[in-house]
């Protein structure tokens, strides 16, 4: 069963996506999504595109962490820096 928070947050992301980030939800499972982070201009990672496969635990937000996998094999500092820059 999905928590109200997951439903609310997925609706918010669809209605007002964060800058430089796009999210594609699995239509059959809101606990799985793919995110694409485009590097903002004027930073060292300009022009970069980073893909993440994200799995949210069924007990979210009482259970952490959300699990993600950098789709090129690892989640590195570049992606973490971009998420922080974009406010995530």
C-alpha atoms as a PDB file:
ATOM      1  CA  UNK A   1       0.000   0.000   0.000  1.00  0.00           C
ATOM      2  CA  UNK A   2       1.353   3.403  -0.968  1.00  0.00           C
ATOM      3  CA  UNK A   3       1.631   6.060   1.659  1.00  0.00           C
ATOM      4  CA  UNK A   4      -0.193   9.334   1.141  1.00  0.00           C
ATOM      5  CA  UNK A   5       3.186  11.045   1.184  1.00  0.00           C
ATOM      6  CA  UNK A   6       4.462   9.087  -1.840  1.00  0.00           C
ATOM      7  CA  UNK A   7       1.310   9.901  -3.788  1.00  0.00           C
ATOM      8  CA  UNK A   8       1.476  13.580  -2.808  1.00  0.00           C
ATOM      9  CA  UNK A   9       5.173  13.920  -3.649  1.00  0.00           C
ATOM     10  CA  UNK A  10       4.805  12.147  -6.999  1.00  0.00           C
ATOM     11  CA  UNK A  11       1.940  14.504  -7.915  1.00  0.00           C
ATOM     12  CA  UNK A  12       4.040  17.524  -6.878  1.00  0.00           C
ATOM     13  CA  UNK A  13       7.012  16.418  -8.967  1.00  0.00           C
ATOM     14  CA  UNK A  14       4.781  15.873 -12.006  1.00  0.00           C
ATOM     15  CA  UNK A  15       3.053  19.253 -11.601  1.00  0.00           C
ATOM     16  CA  UNK A  16       6.184  21.295 -10.837  1.00  0.00           C
ATOM     17  CA  UNK A  17       9.367  19.422 -11.779  1.00  0.00           C
ATOM     18  CA  UNK A  18      12.596  20.694 -10.234  1.00  0.00           C
ATOM     19  CA  UNK A  19      14.973  22.524 -12.576  1.00  0.00           C
ATOM     20  CA  UNK A  20      17.425  20.318 -14.475  1.00  0.00           C
ATOM     21  CA  UNK A  21      15.717  17.124 -13.256  1.00  0.00           C
ATOM     22  CA  UNK A  22      13.126  15.018 -15.046  1.00  0.00           C
ATOM     23  CA  UNK A  23      11.411  12.032 -13.494  1.00  0.00           C
ATOM     24  CA  UNK A  24       9.638   9.109 -15.173  1.00  0.00           C
ATOM     25  CA  UNK A  25       7.414   7.075 -12.871  1.00  0.00           C
ATOM     26  CA  UNK A  26       6.640   3.416 -13.457  1.00  0.00           C
ATOM     27  CA  UNK A  27       2.885   3.551 -14.141  1.00  0.00           C
ATOM     28  CA  UNK A  28       2.335   0.234 -12.359  1.00  0.00           C
ATOM     29  CA  UNK A  29       4.571   0.989  -9.393  1.00  0.00           C
ATOM     30  CA  UNK A  30       5.076   4.494  -7.943  1.00  0.00           C
ATOM     31  CA  UNK A  31       7.865   3.067  -5.801  1.00  0.00           C
ATOM     32  CA  UNK A  32      10.068   2.794  -8.884  1.00  0.00           C
ATOM     33  CA  UNK A  33      11.175   5.713 -11.026  1.00  0.00           C
ATOM     34  CA  UNK A  34      13.918   6.837 -13.319  1.00  0.00           C
ATOM     35  CA  UNK A  35      15.431  10.277 -12.938  1.00  0.00           C
ATOM     36  CA  UNK A  36      17.515  12.229 -15.402  1.00  0.00           C
ATOM     37  CA  UNK A  37      19.688  15.046 -14.086  1.00  0.00           C
ATOM     38  CA  UNK A  38      20.927  17.525 -16.655  1.00  0.00           C
ATOM     39  CA  UNK A  39      23.925  19.509 -15.547  1.00  0.00           C
ATOM     40  CA  UNK A  40      23.158  23.231 -15.174  1.00  0.00           C
ATOM     41  CA  UNK A  41      25.232  25.718 -17.180  1.00  0.00           C
ATOM     42  CA  UNK A  42      28.307  27.431 -15.791  1.00  0.00           C
ATOM     43  CA  UNK A  43      29.461  24.605 -13.534  1.00  0.00           C
ATOM     44  CA  UNK A  44      32.242  22.058 -14.137  1.00  0.00           C
ATOM     45  CA  UNK A  45      29.730  19.348 -15.132  1.00  0.00           C
ATOM     46  CA  UNK A  46      28.006  21.509 -17.789  1.00  0.00           C
ATOM     47  CA  UNK A  47      26.599  19.354 -20.585  1.00  0.00           C
ATOM     48  CA  UNK A  48      26.515  16.220 -18.446  1.00  0.00           C
ATOM     49  CA  UNK A  49      23.452  13.993 -18.249  1.00  0.00           C
ATOM     50  CA  UNK A  50      23.165  11.572 -15.347  1.00  0.00           C
ATOM     51  CA  UNK A  51      20.580   8.781 -15.198  1.00  0.00           C
ATOM     52  CA  UNK A  52      19.386   7.249 -11.927  1.00  0.00           C
ATOM     53  CA  UNK A  53      17.232   4.196 -11.264  1.00  0.00           C
ATOM     54  CA  UNK A  54      15.363   4.909  -7.997  1.00  0.00           C
ATOM     55  CA  UNK A  55      13.552   2.427  -5.727  1.00  0.00           C
ATOM     56  CA  UNK A  56      11.556   3.758  -2.785  1.00  0.00           C
ATOM     57  CA  UNK A  57      10.892   1.405   0.163  1.00  0.00           C
ATOM     58  CA  UNK A  58       7.231   0.553   0.794  1.00  0.00           C
ATOM     59  CA  UNK A  59       7.623   1.943   4.340  1.00  0.00           C
ATOM     60  CA  UNK A  60       8.778   5.373   3.105  1.00  0.00           C
ATOM     61  CA  UNK A  61       9.130   7.845   4.922  1.00  0.00           C
ATOM     62  CA  UNK A  62       9.499   5.757   8.059  1.00  0.00           C
ATOM     63  CA  UNK A  63      12.142   3.596   6.421  1.00  0.00           C
ATOM     64  CA  UNK A  64      15.253   4.952   4.787  1.00  0.00           C
ATOM     65  CA  UNK A  65      17.222   5.034   2.642  1.00  0.00           C
ATOM     66  CA  UNK A  66      15.702   5.353  -0.781  1.00  0.00           C
ATOM     67  CA  UNK A  67      17.864   3.165  -3.001  1.00  0.00           C
ATOM     68  CA  UNK A  68      19.239   4.488  -6.234  1.00  0.00           C
ATOM     69  CA  UNK A  69      21.681   3.247  -8.779  1.00  0.00           C
ATOM     70  CA  UNK A  70      23.619   5.423 -11.135  1.00  0.00           C
ATOM     71  CA  UNK A  71      22.749   3.745 -14.438  1.00  0.00           C
ATOM     72  CA  UNK A  72      26.340   3.753 -15.672  1.00  0.00           C
ATOM     73  CA  UNK A  73      27.323   1.464 -12.826  1.00  0.00           C
ATOM     74  CA  UNK A  74      27.979   3.655  -9.791  1.00  0.00           C
ATOM     75  CA  UNK A  75      26.744   6.760  -8.006  1.00  0.00           C
ATOM     76  CA  UNK A  76      29.635   9.169  -7.861  1.00  0.00           C
ATOM     77  CA  UNK A  77      30.409  12.564  -6.387  1.00  0.00           C
ATOM     78  CA  UNK A  78      29.431  14.355  -9.597  1.00  0.00           C
ATOM     79  CA  UNK A  79      25.825  13.220  -9.268  1.00  0.00           C
ATOM     80  CA  UNK A  80      25.724  13.988  -5.544  1.00  0.00           C
ATOM     81  CA  UNK A  81      27.058  17.506  -6.252  1.00  0.00           C
ATOM     82  CA  UNK A  82      24.424  18.045  -8.937  1.00  0.00           C
ATOM     83  CA  UNK A  83      21.621  16.898  -6.626  1.00  0.00           C
ATOM     84  CA  UNK A  84      22.810  19.335  -3.958  1.00  0.00           C
ATOM     85  CA  UNK A  85      23.113  22.143  -6.535  1.00  0.00           C
ATOM     86  CA  UNK A  86      19.538  21.440  -7.742  1.00  0.00           C
ATOM     87  CA  UNK A  87      18.219  21.503  -4.162  1.00  0.00           C
ATOM     88  CA  UNK A  88      17.748  17.755  -3.619  1.00  0.00           C
END
